[in-house]
N, C-alpha and C. Protein backbone atom coordinates (compact mmCIF):
# COMPACT_ATOMS: atom_id res chain seq x y z
N MET A 1 65.08 -34.90 -37.08
CA MET A 1 64.68 -35.99 -37.48
C MET A 1 63.23 -36.31 -37.38
N ASP A 2 62.82 -36.44 -38.34
CA ASP A 2 61.06 -36.89 -38.29
C ASP A 2 60.68 -38.09 -37.41
N LYS A 3 59.64 -38.42 -36.85
CA LYS A 3 59.08 -39.25 -36.01
C LYS A 3 59.50 -40.79 -36.61
N LYS A 4 59.11 -40.95 -37.93
CA LYS A 4 59.31 -42.32 -38.31
C LYS A 4 60.87 -42.68 -38.33
N SER A 5 61.95 -41.85 -38.86
CA SER A 5 63.31 -41.89 -38.68
C SER A 5 63.89 -42.08 -37.01
N LEU A 6 63.31 -41.36 -36.25
CA LEU A 6 63.82 -41.46 -34.85
C LEU A 6 63.28 -42.59 -34.26
N ARG A 7 62.09 -43.20 -34.56
CA ARG A 7 61.69 -44.43 -34.29
C ARG A 7 62.60 -45.57 -34.69
N LYS A 8 63.02 -45.47 -35.91
CA LYS A 8 64.18 -46.55 -36.51
C LYS A 8 65.41 -46.33 -35.77
N ALA A 9 65.83 -45.21 -35.66
CA ALA A 9 67.16 -45.00 -34.87
C ALA A 9 67.06 -45.23 -33.54
N ALA A 10 66.00 -45.20 -32.88
CA ALA A 10 65.78 -45.74 -31.37
C ALA A 10 65.79 -46.99 -31.24
N LYS A 11 65.24 -47.80 -32.37
CA LYS A 11 65.14 -49.19 -32.35
C LYS A 11 66.40 -49.76 -32.55
N ALA A 12 67.11 -49.25 -33.53
CA ALA A 12 68.60 -49.85 -33.78
C ALA A 12 69.34 -49.74 -32.44
N ARG A 13 69.44 -48.54 -31.85
CA ARG A 13 70.01 -48.48 -30.52
C ARG A 13 69.87 -49.66 -29.70
N ILE A 14 68.37 -49.85 -29.31
CA ILE A 14 68.10 -50.70 -28.40
C ILE A 14 68.55 -52.30 -28.91
N GLU A 15 68.45 -52.53 -30.17
CA GLU A 15 68.65 -53.83 -30.68
C GLU A 15 70.30 -53.87 -30.51
N ALA A 16 70.89 -52.96 -30.35
CA ALA A 16 72.40 -52.96 -30.09
C ALA A 16 72.74 -53.32 -28.80
N MET A 17 71.88 -53.20 -28.00
CA MET A 17 72.25 -53.45 -26.54
C MET A 17 72.21 -55.17 -26.33
N SER A 18 72.78 -55.56 -25.25
CA SER A 18 73.08 -56.87 -25.22
C SER A 18 71.88 -57.14 -24.25
N ALA A 19 71.54 -58.49 -24.00
CA ALA A 19 70.47 -58.96 -22.95
C ALA A 19 71.13 -58.45 -21.56
N CYS A 20 72.33 -58.58 -21.28
CA CYS A 20 72.62 -58.39 -20.20
C CYS A 20 72.82 -56.94 -19.77
N ASP A 21 73.05 -56.17 -20.89
CA ASP A 21 72.84 -54.51 -20.59
C ASP A 21 71.43 -54.31 -20.03
N LYS A 22 70.53 -54.78 -21.02
CA LYS A 22 69.07 -54.45 -20.69
C LYS A 22 68.64 -54.91 -19.42
N ALA A 23 69.05 -56.15 -18.88
CA ALA A 23 68.72 -56.43 -17.50
C ALA A 23 69.46 -55.74 -16.50
N ARG A 24 70.64 -55.33 -16.80
CA ARG A 24 71.36 -54.38 -15.77
C ARG A 24 70.35 -53.10 -15.70
N GLU A 25 70.36 -52.22 -16.76
CA GLU A 25 69.51 -51.08 -16.87
C GLU A 25 68.06 -51.11 -16.24
N SER A 26 67.51 -52.19 -16.49
CA SER A 26 66.21 -52.54 -15.88
C SER A 26 66.26 -52.51 -14.43
N ALA A 27 67.14 -53.35 -14.00
CA ALA A 27 67.30 -53.61 -12.48
C ALA A 27 67.62 -52.21 -11.83
N ALA A 28 68.48 -51.20 -12.65
CA ALA A 28 68.76 -50.10 -12.02
C ALA A 28 67.62 -48.97 -12.13
N VAL A 29 66.59 -49.17 -13.05
CA VAL A 29 65.44 -48.39 -13.19
C VAL A 29 64.64 -48.42 -12.03
N ALA A 30 64.59 -50.10 -11.82
CA ALA A 30 63.41 -50.43 -10.83
C ALA A 30 63.83 -50.27 -9.28
N ALA A 31 65.21 -50.15 -9.08
CA ALA A 31 65.71 -49.36 -7.85
C ALA A 31 65.39 -48.14 -7.66
N LYS A 32 65.47 -47.25 -8.83
CA LYS A 32 65.05 -45.78 -8.71
C LYS A 32 63.87 -45.57 -8.36
N ILE A 33 62.82 -46.25 -9.11
CA ILE A 33 61.47 -46.08 -8.81
C ILE A 33 61.00 -46.58 -7.40
N LYS A 34 61.64 -47.41 -7.09
CA LYS A 34 61.37 -47.89 -5.24
C LYS A 34 61.94 -46.74 -4.49
N THR A 35 62.78 -45.91 -4.91
CA THR A 35 63.24 -44.49 -4.00
C THR A 35 62.31 -43.33 -4.45
N LEU A 36 61.71 -43.43 -5.52
CA LEU A 36 61.07 -42.07 -5.62
C LEU A 36 59.92 -41.64 -4.79
N GLY A 37 59.47 -42.54 -3.96
CA GLY A 37 58.45 -42.18 -3.24
C GLY A 37 57.05 -42.03 -3.94
N ILE A 38 56.66 -43.01 -4.81
CA ILE A 38 55.58 -42.93 -5.76
C ILE A 38 54.29 -42.60 -4.83
N ARG A 39 53.58 -41.50 -4.73
CA ARG A 39 52.40 -41.40 -4.07
C ARG A 39 51.10 -41.41 -4.91
N GLY A 40 50.28 -42.18 -4.74
CA GLY A 40 48.94 -42.49 -5.30
C GLY A 40 48.53 -43.81 -5.23
N ASN A 41 47.14 -43.80 -5.04
CA ASN A 41 46.36 -45.02 -4.89
C ASN A 41 46.22 -45.86 -5.98
N LYS A 42 46.11 -45.24 -7.16
CA LYS A 42 46.05 -45.86 -8.36
C LYS A 42 47.01 -45.63 -9.41
N VAL A 43 47.73 -46.73 -9.81
CA VAL A 43 48.83 -46.52 -10.57
C VAL A 43 48.78 -47.40 -11.84
N LEU A 44 48.76 -46.83 -12.89
CA LEU A 44 48.83 -47.71 -14.41
C LEU A 44 50.37 -47.79 -14.56
N ILE A 45 50.61 -48.90 -15.14
CA ILE A 45 51.87 -49.48 -15.32
C ILE A 45 51.66 -50.44 -16.55
N TYR A 46 52.78 -50.58 -17.51
CA TYR A 46 52.67 -51.73 -18.58
C TYR A 46 53.58 -52.71 -18.16
N ASN A 47 52.84 -53.87 -18.83
CA ASN A 47 53.96 -55.07 -18.97
C ASN A 47 54.90 -54.85 -20.26
N ALA A 48 56.27 -54.97 -19.90
CA ALA A 48 57.19 -54.55 -21.07
C ALA A 48 57.26 -55.78 -22.12
N LEU A 49 57.66 -55.24 -23.30
CA LEU A 49 58.00 -56.05 -24.27
C LEU A 49 59.27 -56.41 -24.25
N PRO A 50 60.11 -57.18 -24.97
CA PRO A 50 61.53 -57.57 -24.81
C PRO A 50 62.45 -56.25 -25.11
N ASP A 51 61.95 -55.27 -25.94
CA ASP A 51 62.69 -54.34 -25.95
C ASP A 51 62.59 -53.05 -25.02
N GLU A 52 61.69 -53.23 -24.05
CA GLU A 52 61.39 -52.26 -23.33
C GLU A 52 62.03 -52.49 -21.84
N VAL A 53 62.01 -51.46 -20.94
CA VAL A 53 62.47 -51.52 -19.66
C VAL A 53 61.57 -52.61 -19.06
N ASP A 54 62.27 -53.68 -18.46
CA ASP A 54 61.50 -54.81 -17.66
C ASP A 54 60.65 -54.19 -16.37
N THR A 55 59.46 -54.31 -16.48
CA THR A 55 58.46 -53.80 -15.18
C THR A 55 58.19 -54.66 -14.34
N ARG A 56 58.43 -56.10 -14.39
CA ARG A 56 57.92 -57.08 -13.74
C ARG A 56 58.16 -56.89 -12.20
N GLU A 57 59.52 -56.44 -11.78
CA GLU A 57 59.84 -55.85 -10.44
C GLU A 57 59.17 -54.76 -9.90
N ILE A 58 58.93 -53.80 -10.84
CA ILE A 58 58.36 -52.63 -10.38
C ILE A 58 56.74 -52.94 -10.19
N ILE A 59 56.25 -53.56 -10.96
CA ILE A 59 54.71 -53.85 -10.91
C ILE A 59 54.70 -54.88 -9.43
N ALA A 60 55.40 -55.70 -9.21
CA ALA A 60 55.19 -56.58 -7.86
C ALA A 60 55.60 -55.45 -6.57
N PHE A 61 56.23 -54.39 -6.76
CA PHE A 61 56.70 -53.45 -5.76
C PHE A 61 55.65 -52.65 -5.65
N LEU A 62 54.87 -52.12 -6.51
CA LEU A 62 53.75 -51.08 -6.54
C LEU A 62 52.50 -51.82 -6.19
N ALA A 63 52.60 -52.84 -6.34
CA ALA A 63 51.15 -53.75 -5.83
C ALA A 63 51.10 -53.96 -4.47
N ARG A 64 52.10 -53.86 -3.81
CA ARG A 64 52.15 -54.07 -2.41
C ARG A 64 51.29 -53.00 -1.51
N ASP A 65 51.45 -51.71 -2.13
CA ASP A 65 50.77 -50.55 -1.67
C ASP A 65 49.80 -49.77 -2.30
N ASN A 66 49.41 -50.22 -3.50
CA ASN A 66 48.82 -49.56 -4.36
C ASN A 66 47.84 -50.38 -5.07
N ASP A 67 46.74 -49.75 -5.91
CA ASP A 67 45.85 -50.38 -6.93
C ASP A 67 46.66 -50.41 -8.04
N VAL A 68 47.11 -51.38 -8.65
CA VAL A 68 47.80 -51.41 -9.95
C VAL A 68 47.01 -51.93 -11.01
N TYR A 69 47.05 -51.08 -12.05
CA TYR A 69 46.34 -51.25 -13.28
C TYR A 69 47.10 -51.52 -14.40
N LEU A 70 47.10 -52.47 -15.37
CA LEU A 70 47.75 -52.65 -16.71
C LEU A 70 46.84 -52.41 -17.84
N PRO A 71 47.51 -51.72 -19.20
CA PRO A 71 46.83 -51.69 -19.94
C PRO A 71 46.04 -52.92 -20.78
N VAL A 72 45.02 -52.74 -21.31
CA VAL A 72 44.45 -53.91 -22.20
C VAL A 72 43.89 -53.24 -23.45
N VAL A 73 44.63 -53.55 -24.82
CA VAL A 73 44.19 -53.15 -25.83
C VAL A 73 43.32 -53.87 -26.69
N ASP A 74 42.29 -52.91 -27.11
CA ASP A 74 41.07 -53.75 -27.92
C ASP A 74 40.90 -52.78 -29.29
N GLY A 75 41.50 -53.25 -30.38
CA GLY A 75 41.62 -52.26 -31.51
C GLY A 75 42.18 -50.98 -31.24
N ASP A 76 41.79 -49.91 -31.48
CA ASP A 76 42.16 -48.55 -31.26
C ASP A 76 42.17 -48.31 -29.73
N ASP A 77 41.43 -48.81 -28.95
CA ASP A 77 41.07 -48.52 -27.58
C ASP A 77 42.07 -49.20 -26.61
N MET A 78 42.51 -48.36 -25.41
CA MET A 78 42.94 -48.98 -24.42
C MET A 78 42.15 -48.75 -23.13
N TYR A 79 41.97 -49.94 -22.56
CA TYR A 79 41.40 -49.98 -21.24
C TYR A 79 42.23 -50.29 -20.18
N LEU A 80 41.75 -50.27 -19.12
CA LEU A 80 42.69 -50.69 -17.74
C LEU A 80 41.95 -51.80 -17.01
N ALA A 81 42.77 -52.91 -16.71
CA ALA A 81 42.43 -53.77 -15.87
C ALA A 81 43.08 -54.11 -14.72
N ARG A 82 42.57 -54.32 -13.54
CA ARG A 82 43.47 -54.31 -12.24
C ARG A 82 44.32 -55.58 -12.52
N TYR A 83 45.52 -55.41 -11.99
CA TYR A 83 46.64 -56.46 -11.63
C TYR A 83 46.26 -57.32 -10.75
N ASP A 84 46.10 -58.33 -10.91
CA ASP A 84 46.14 -59.65 -9.84
C ASP A 84 46.89 -60.69 -10.13
N GLY A 85 47.89 -60.59 -10.93
CA GLY A 85 48.90 -61.74 -11.27
C GLY A 85 48.43 -62.77 -12.23
N SER A 86 47.15 -62.70 -12.82
CA SER A 86 46.88 -63.35 -14.03
C SER A 86 47.16 -62.78 -15.23
N GLY A 87 47.24 -63.41 -16.31
CA GLY A 87 47.22 -62.61 -17.57
C GLY A 87 46.97 -63.86 -18.74
N ARG A 88 46.88 -63.10 -20.05
CA ARG A 88 46.86 -63.89 -20.91
C ARG A 88 47.51 -63.02 -22.10
N GLU A 89 48.15 -63.74 -23.10
CA GLU A 89 48.70 -62.70 -24.34
C GLU A 89 47.70 -62.05 -25.07
N GLY A 90 47.82 -60.67 -25.09
CA GLY A 90 46.85 -59.80 -25.79
C GLY A 90 47.41 -59.13 -26.86
N ALA A 91 46.97 -57.92 -27.26
CA ALA A 91 47.54 -57.18 -28.42
C ALA A 91 49.07 -57.24 -28.51
N PHE A 92 49.68 -57.39 -29.44
CA PHE A 92 51.08 -57.15 -29.68
C PHE A 92 52.03 -58.02 -28.75
N GLY A 93 51.39 -59.38 -28.41
CA GLY A 93 52.01 -60.16 -27.72
C GLY A 93 52.18 -59.69 -26.30
N ILE A 94 51.58 -58.65 -25.72
CA ILE A 94 51.76 -58.22 -24.47
C ILE A 94 50.88 -58.99 -23.52
N SER A 95 51.43 -59.24 -22.31
CA SER A 95 50.62 -60.08 -21.40
C SER A 95 49.65 -58.87 -20.65
N GLU A 96 48.28 -59.33 -20.67
CA GLU A 96 47.25 -58.47 -20.33
C GLU A 96 46.53 -59.15 -19.25
N PRO A 97 46.00 -58.39 -18.15
CA PRO A 97 45.20 -58.87 -17.04
C PRO A 97 43.72 -59.52 -17.46
N THR A 98 43.41 -60.51 -17.02
CA THR A 98 42.19 -61.12 -17.53
C THR A 98 40.81 -60.40 -16.66
N GLY A 99 40.79 -59.73 -16.01
CA GLY A 99 39.79 -59.26 -15.19
C GLY A 99 39.03 -58.22 -15.82
N GLU A 100 38.01 -57.62 -15.32
CA GLU A 100 37.31 -56.54 -15.69
C GLU A 100 37.92 -55.25 -16.27
N ARG A 101 37.43 -54.86 -17.45
CA ARG A 101 38.23 -53.90 -18.11
C ARG A 101 37.35 -52.51 -17.86
N PHE A 102 38.11 -51.25 -17.42
CA PHE A 102 37.59 -50.12 -17.24
C PHE A 102 38.31 -49.13 -18.25
N THR A 103 37.55 -47.98 -18.25
CA THR A 103 37.88 -46.48 -19.17
C THR A 103 38.76 -46.07 -18.28
N ALA A 104 39.82 -45.07 -19.10
CA ALA A 104 40.56 -44.27 -18.27
C ALA A 104 39.58 -43.35 -17.16
N ARG A 105 38.67 -42.84 -17.50
CA ARG A 105 37.85 -42.01 -16.78
C ARG A 105 36.99 -42.67 -15.74
N GLU A 106 36.78 -44.11 -15.90
CA GLU A 106 36.34 -44.75 -14.61
C GLU A 106 37.30 -45.05 -13.54
N ILE A 107 38.67 -45.15 -13.73
CA ILE A 107 39.70 -45.33 -13.00
C ILE A 107 40.46 -44.14 -12.44
N MET A 108 40.57 -43.15 -13.55
CA MET A 108 41.19 -42.03 -13.04
C MET A 108 42.64 -42.22 -12.34
N PRO A 109 43.85 -42.91 -12.86
CA PRO A 109 44.76 -43.26 -11.97
C PRO A 109 45.34 -42.04 -11.65
N ASP A 110 46.30 -42.11 -10.64
CA ASP A 110 47.07 -40.80 -10.12
C ASP A 110 48.22 -40.68 -10.82
N ILE A 111 48.93 -41.89 -11.04
CA ILE A 111 49.95 -41.76 -11.65
C ILE A 111 50.20 -43.09 -13.02
N CYS A 112 50.80 -42.59 -14.05
CA CYS A 112 50.97 -43.47 -15.21
C CYS A 112 52.39 -43.44 -15.46
N ILE A 113 52.76 -44.94 -15.53
CA ILE A 113 54.03 -45.33 -15.88
C ILE A 113 54.31 -45.74 -17.33
N THR A 114 54.74 -45.08 -18.14
CA THR A 114 54.57 -45.44 -19.45
C THR A 114 55.73 -45.78 -20.12
N PRO A 115 55.63 -46.57 -21.17
CA PRO A 115 56.94 -46.86 -22.01
C PRO A 115 56.98 -45.70 -23.08
N LEU A 116 58.15 -45.86 -23.90
CA LEU A 116 58.52 -44.98 -24.81
C LEU A 116 59.38 -45.51 -25.90
N ARG A 117 59.55 -44.93 -27.07
CA ARG A 117 60.69 -45.41 -27.99
C ARG A 117 61.82 -44.34 -27.83
N ALA A 118 61.55 -43.25 -27.74
CA ALA A 118 62.53 -42.13 -27.53
C ALA A 118 62.04 -41.10 -26.56
N PHE A 119 63.12 -40.14 -26.14
CA PHE A 119 62.64 -39.05 -25.27
C PHE A 119 63.85 -38.14 -25.43
N ASP A 120 63.53 -36.83 -25.09
CA ASP A 120 64.65 -35.77 -24.76
C ASP A 120 64.61 -35.33 -23.45
N ALA A 121 65.44 -34.16 -23.37
CA ALA A 121 65.73 -33.68 -21.92
C ALA A 121 64.55 -32.87 -21.56
N ALA A 122 63.91 -32.17 -22.67
CA ALA A 122 62.56 -31.64 -22.41
C ALA A 122 61.19 -32.41 -21.95
N LEU A 123 61.59 -33.81 -21.84
CA LEU A 123 60.61 -34.46 -21.30
C LEU A 123 59.50 -34.75 -22.57
N ASP A 124 59.88 -34.55 -23.63
CA ASP A 124 59.05 -34.96 -24.87
C ASP A 124 59.21 -36.38 -25.07
N ARG A 125 58.14 -37.19 -25.49
CA ARG A 125 58.06 -38.61 -25.49
C ARG A 125 57.68 -39.13 -26.86
N LEU A 126 58.42 -39.93 -27.37
CA LEU A 126 57.92 -40.60 -28.79
C LEU A 126 57.62 -42.20 -28.37
N GLY A 127 56.34 -42.47 -28.82
CA GLY A 127 55.92 -43.49 -28.53
C GLY A 127 56.03 -44.62 -29.73
N ARG A 128 55.37 -45.73 -29.97
CA ARG A 128 55.68 -46.71 -31.02
C ARG A 128 54.72 -46.06 -32.32
N GLY A 129 53.97 -45.21 -32.21
CA GLY A 129 53.17 -44.62 -33.04
C GLY A 129 51.68 -44.93 -33.19
N LYS A 130 51.18 -45.58 -32.30
CA LYS A 130 49.74 -45.98 -32.42
C LYS A 130 48.76 -44.78 -31.67
N GLY A 131 49.46 -44.21 -30.86
CA GLY A 131 48.81 -43.32 -30.20
C GLY A 131 47.77 -43.47 -28.85
N TYR A 132 47.96 -44.80 -28.48
CA TYR A 132 47.35 -45.13 -27.28
C TYR A 132 47.46 -44.50 -26.09
N TYR A 133 48.67 -44.01 -25.73
CA TYR A 133 49.05 -43.45 -24.52
C TYR A 133 48.54 -41.77 -24.77
N ASP A 134 48.61 -41.20 -26.02
CA ASP A 134 48.33 -39.85 -26.02
C ASP A 134 46.88 -39.83 -25.86
N ARG A 135 45.93 -40.51 -26.32
CA ARG A 135 44.67 -40.45 -26.36
C ARG A 135 44.22 -40.86 -24.66
N PHE A 136 45.11 -41.74 -24.02
CA PHE A 136 44.70 -41.68 -22.53
C PHE A 136 45.03 -40.46 -21.95
N PHE A 137 46.20 -39.93 -22.18
CA PHE A 137 46.42 -38.62 -21.46
C PHE A 137 45.45 -37.53 -21.81
N ALA A 138 44.71 -37.74 -22.95
CA ALA A 138 43.95 -36.34 -23.14
C ALA A 138 42.63 -36.34 -22.30
N VAL A 139 42.41 -37.79 -21.63
CA VAL A 139 41.32 -37.82 -20.91
C VAL A 139 41.48 -37.91 -19.13
N CYS A 140 43.01 -38.18 -19.03
CA CYS A 140 43.50 -38.55 -17.74
C CYS A 140 44.47 -37.61 -17.30
N ASP A 141 44.24 -36.83 -16.28
CA ASP A 141 45.20 -35.77 -15.97
C ASP A 141 46.03 -36.39 -14.69
N CYS A 142 47.15 -37.21 -14.80
CA CYS A 142 47.80 -37.71 -14.00
C CYS A 142 49.29 -37.52 -13.92
N GLU A 143 49.76 -37.94 -12.88
CA GLU A 143 51.56 -37.88 -13.17
C GLU A 143 52.03 -38.85 -14.16
N LYS A 144 52.82 -38.45 -15.12
CA LYS A 144 53.39 -39.09 -16.14
C LYS A 144 54.59 -39.42 -15.98
N ILE A 145 55.04 -40.67 -15.84
CA ILE A 145 56.41 -41.12 -15.32
C ILE A 145 56.93 -42.21 -16.69
N ALA A 146 57.92 -41.88 -17.50
CA ALA A 146 58.35 -42.90 -18.37
C ALA A 146 59.48 -43.82 -17.99
N LEU A 147 59.58 -44.78 -18.41
CA LEU A 147 60.93 -45.58 -18.47
C LEU A 147 61.34 -45.87 -19.49
N ALA A 148 62.97 -45.72 -19.36
CA ALA A 148 63.75 -45.94 -20.60
C ALA A 148 65.40 -46.46 -20.25
N PHE A 149 66.00 -47.10 -21.34
CA PHE A 149 67.18 -47.21 -21.44
C PHE A 149 68.02 -45.78 -21.79
N ASN A 150 68.99 -45.74 -21.30
CA ASN A 150 69.70 -44.64 -21.38
C ASN A 150 69.90 -44.50 -23.06
N CYS A 151 70.10 -45.43 -23.75
CA CYS A 151 70.39 -45.06 -25.26
C CYS A 151 68.86 -44.41 -26.11
N GLN A 152 67.87 -44.34 -25.23
CA GLN A 152 66.90 -43.70 -25.87
C GLN A 152 66.56 -42.46 -25.80
N LYS A 153 67.43 -41.77 -25.15
CA LYS A 153 67.57 -40.18 -25.06
C LYS A 153 68.23 -39.69 -26.39
N PHE A 154 67.60 -38.89 -27.06
CA PHE A 154 67.77 -37.88 -28.12
C PHE A 154 67.81 -36.50 -27.91
N ASP A 155 68.69 -35.85 -28.68
CA ASP A 155 68.71 -34.44 -28.57
C ASP A 155 67.73 -33.47 -28.68
N GLU A 156 66.46 -33.94 -29.30
CA GLU A 156 65.43 -33.37 -29.75
C GLU A 156 64.26 -34.23 -30.36
N ILE A 157 62.91 -34.25 -29.72
CA ILE A 157 61.96 -35.07 -30.35
C ILE A 157 61.12 -34.12 -31.00
N GLU A 158 60.67 -34.50 -32.45
CA GLU A 158 59.58 -33.84 -33.10
C GLU A 158 58.36 -34.11 -32.23
N THR A 159 57.52 -32.99 -32.00
CA THR A 159 56.14 -33.32 -31.42
C THR A 159 55.15 -32.56 -32.18
N ASP A 160 53.84 -32.95 -31.81
CA ASP A 160 52.62 -32.36 -32.51
C ASP A 160 52.00 -32.05 -31.34
N ALA A 161 50.69 -31.27 -31.85
CA ALA A 161 49.97 -30.86 -30.77
C ALA A 161 49.23 -31.70 -29.55
N PHE A 162 49.26 -32.73 -30.12
CA PHE A 162 48.46 -33.89 -29.37
C PHE A 162 49.54 -34.55 -28.43
N ASP A 163 50.85 -34.59 -28.48
CA ASP A 163 52.01 -34.96 -27.95
C ASP A 163 51.90 -34.61 -26.52
N VAL A 164 52.05 -35.39 -25.39
CA VAL A 164 51.88 -34.65 -23.97
C VAL A 164 53.30 -35.11 -23.50
N LYS A 165 53.88 -34.11 -22.74
CA LYS A 165 55.30 -34.08 -22.20
C LYS A 165 54.95 -35.04 -21.18
N MET A 166 56.17 -35.71 -20.49
CA MET A 166 56.32 -36.46 -19.43
C MET A 166 56.38 -35.62 -18.12
N ASP A 167 56.01 -36.05 -17.09
CA ASP A 167 56.47 -35.30 -15.61
C ASP A 167 58.07 -35.64 -15.17
N ALA A 168 58.40 -36.96 -15.75
CA ALA A 168 59.67 -37.39 -15.40
C ALA A 168 59.91 -38.70 -16.22
N VAL A 169 61.28 -38.85 -16.61
CA VAL A 169 61.67 -39.83 -17.51
C VAL A 169 62.78 -40.50 -16.57
N VAL A 170 62.80 -41.90 -16.36
CA VAL A 170 63.54 -42.69 -15.48
C VAL A 170 64.50 -43.38 -16.14
N THR A 171 65.98 -43.36 -16.25
CA THR A 171 66.79 -44.33 -16.85
C THR A 171 67.79 -44.73 -15.82
N ALA A 172 68.80 -45.52 -16.33
CA ALA A 172 69.63 -46.25 -15.33
C ALA A 172 70.44 -45.23 -14.68
N SER A 173 70.91 -44.09 -15.60
CA SER A 173 71.86 -43.20 -15.07
C SER A 173 71.31 -41.93 -14.58
N GLU A 174 69.96 -41.73 -15.03
CA GLU A 174 69.50 -40.59 -14.53
C GLU A 174 67.94 -40.23 -14.38
N THR A 175 67.53 -39.28 -13.61
CA THR A 175 65.91 -39.16 -13.64
C THR A 175 65.93 -37.78 -14.10
N TYR A 176 65.07 -37.61 -15.37
CA TYR A 176 64.83 -36.21 -15.77
C TYR A 176 63.42 -35.73 -15.26
N ARG A 177 63.46 -34.62 -14.83
CA ARG A 177 62.17 -34.04 -14.08
C ARG A 177 61.86 -32.64 -14.78
N LYS A 178 60.64 -32.42 -14.72
CA LYS A 178 60.18 -30.65 -15.07
C LYS A 178 61.00 -29.85 -14.18
């Protein structure tokens, strides 16, 4: 299946989930993240859209012992801003921190917890198609952990040379690792 068709299929699967199922799976993913023993001083994580695993509990947990950064999108570029609890609606309706913006090279996070649209057991990741995370990973060598609903797993993801594999994908029912 080509990337456009796969994104459409993944979107349909997510839309078929009830709000209760999304909340239940998000809570299970958060519980798993808390037990993973994430080690790193600087962690990049995202504020979730309604069709993504809810990250609010994970952000609060990670902020206790780590410097947590969230993405800030400006045109085709993704910057990082330190999480301080503040925010404003940014690109794509995503809440973004209001503090100083940094490039990936300036921060060089140890870990990036990333969203995805679809994934496979080989840890290939399909995003929304804008390439923000692919460009980020091209300059930042960090541990890459994706969060997903169970229904986002597909048999195979078509990849291009610039696509970066995840080190792990965490779902409610399983943690896939290299």
